[in-house]
Amino acid sequence: MTEKEQIKPDPVVQVIFDVLMSLEPGKSASPMDVARAYAVLRAKPTDPPDVWRRYMNAVKQQMVHLARAGRIQIVRKGKPVDPNDFKGVVRLRLPMKD
């Protein structure tokens, strides 16, 4: 792997941060919001309206990776959850400053 390849950020990660940074402090976004934002960037005129669903796995993988690294929080009912063990409807937010 060349140095340039290592520096290039993952486009899904970039969209996660773009979406989260566009929110007011303390607000959260759903993984679906991120997948839809990513789909807008990648959409072709022939894609169906629900093309965003194809990106949900990538969004979920990256959100877990980023949460494990402490760069974002995965929250359920407003409380951070363990990125290694969570279920149900979750949202993403930037880490809260104490």
Protein backbone atom coordinates (compact mmCIF):
# COMPACT_ATOMS: atom_id res chain seq x y z
CA MET A 1 0.00 0.00 0.00
CA THR A 2 1.41 3.37 -0.95
CA GLU A 3 1.50 6.39 1.33
CA LYS A 4 -1.24 8.12 -0.70
CA GLU A 5 -3.59 5.15 -0.27
CA GLN A 6 -3.11 5.21 3.50
CA ILE A 7 -3.90 8.94 3.76
CA LYS A 8 -7.05 8.87 1.61
CA PRO A 9 -10.04 8.80 4.00
CA ASP A 10 -12.87 6.35 3.50
CA PRO A 11 -15.74 8.18 1.74
CA VAL A 12 -18.31 6.67 4.13
CA VAL A 13 -16.32 7.95 7.12
CA GLN A 14 -16.17 11.37 5.50
CA VAL A 15 -19.97 11.45 5.05
CA ILE A 16 -20.51 10.32 8.66
CA PHE A 17 -18.45 13.27 9.88
CA ASP A 18 -20.03 15.68 7.37
CA VAL A 19 -23.51 14.75 8.60
CA LEU A 20 -22.58 14.88 12.29
CA MET A 21 -20.74 18.19 12.00
CA SER A 22 -23.76 19.74 10.28
CA LEU A 23 -25.87 19.11 13.40
CA GLU A 24 -26.20 21.29 16.48
CA PRO A 25 -23.94 20.20 19.39
CA GLY A 26 -25.43 17.22 21.22
CA LYS A 27 -27.76 16.29 18.36
CA SER A 28 -27.60 12.91 16.65
CA ALA A 29 -28.25 11.38 13.25
CA SER A 30 -29.52 7.95 12.32
CA PRO A 31 -27.40 5.54 10.28
CA MET A 32 -30.17 5.85 7.66
CA ASP A 33 -29.54 9.62 7.44
CA VAL A 34 -25.88 8.93 6.72
CA ALA A 35 -26.66 6.23 4.14
CA ARG A 36 -29.05 8.59 2.37
CA ALA A 37 -26.46 11.39 2.32
CA TYR A 38 -23.88 8.98 0.92
CA ALA A 39 -26.33 7.69 -1.70
CA VAL A 40 -26.92 11.25 -2.94
CA LEU A 41 -23.19 11.54 -3.68
CA ARG A 42 -23.07 8.22 -5.52
CA ALA A 43 -26.48 8.12 -7.19
CA LYS A 44 -26.89 7.52 -10.89
CA PRO A 45 -30.01 8.68 -12.74
CA THR A 46 -31.11 5.06 -13.14
CA ASP A 47 -30.88 4.21 -9.43
CA PRO A 48 -34.12 3.49 -7.53
CA PRO A 49 -35.21 5.94 -4.78
CA ASP A 50 -34.17 3.48 -2.06
CA VAL A 51 -30.62 3.01 -3.36
CA TRP A 52 -29.41 4.27 0.04
CA ARG A 53 -30.25 0.84 1.50
CA ARG A 54 -27.30 -0.63 -0.38
CA TYR A 55 -24.94 1.52 1.73
CA MET A 56 -26.35 0.66 5.17
CA ASN A 57 -23.86 -2.16 5.83
CA ALA A 58 -20.90 0.09 5.03
CA VAL A 59 -22.31 2.82 7.29
CA LYS A 60 -22.87 0.36 10.15
CA GLN A 61 -19.36 -1.11 9.81
CA GLN A 62 -17.75 2.32 9.82
CA MET A 63 -19.86 3.64 12.71
CA VAL A 64 -18.77 0.69 14.87
CA HIS A 65 -15.13 1.20 13.87
CA LEU A 66 -15.29 4.95 14.64
CA ALA A 67 -17.07 4.35 17.96
CA ARG A 68 -14.45 1.80 19.03
CA ALA A 69 -11.79 4.42 18.26
CA GLY A 70 -13.69 7.00 20.33
CA ARG A 71 -14.26 9.34 17.38
CA ILE A 72 -18.09 9.12 17.53
CA GLN A 73 -20.67 7.74 19.93
CA ILE A 74 -23.41 5.25 19.15
CA VAL A 75 -26.41 6.15 21.28
CA ARG A 76 -29.66 4.40 22.10
CA LYS A 77 -32.39 6.36 23.89
CA GLY A 78 -29.89 9.21 24.32
CA LYS A 79 -27.26 7.15 26.16
CA PRO A 80 -23.97 5.88 24.69
CA VAL A 81 -23.86 2.13 24.07
CA ASP A 82 -20.97 -0.31 23.83
CA PRO A 83 -19.98 -0.43 20.14
CA ASN A 84 -19.15 -4.12 20.56
CA ASP A 85 -22.56 -5.07 21.96
CA PHE A 86 -25.69 -3.16 21.03
CA LYS A 87 -29.11 -3.89 19.58
CA GLY A 88 -32.07 -2.01 18.30
CA VAL A 89 -32.53 1.48 16.95
CA VAL A 90 -29.41 3.57 17.40
CA ARG A 91 -28.19 7.02 16.43
CA LEU A 92 -24.77 8.57 15.96
CA ARG A 93 -23.32 11.69 17.51
CA LEU A 94 -20.00 13.33 18.08
CA PRO A 95 -18.52 12.63 21.54
CA MET A 96 -19.95 14.86 24.24
CA LYS A 97 -17.51 17.12 26.08
CA ASP A 98 -17.81 16.88 29.85
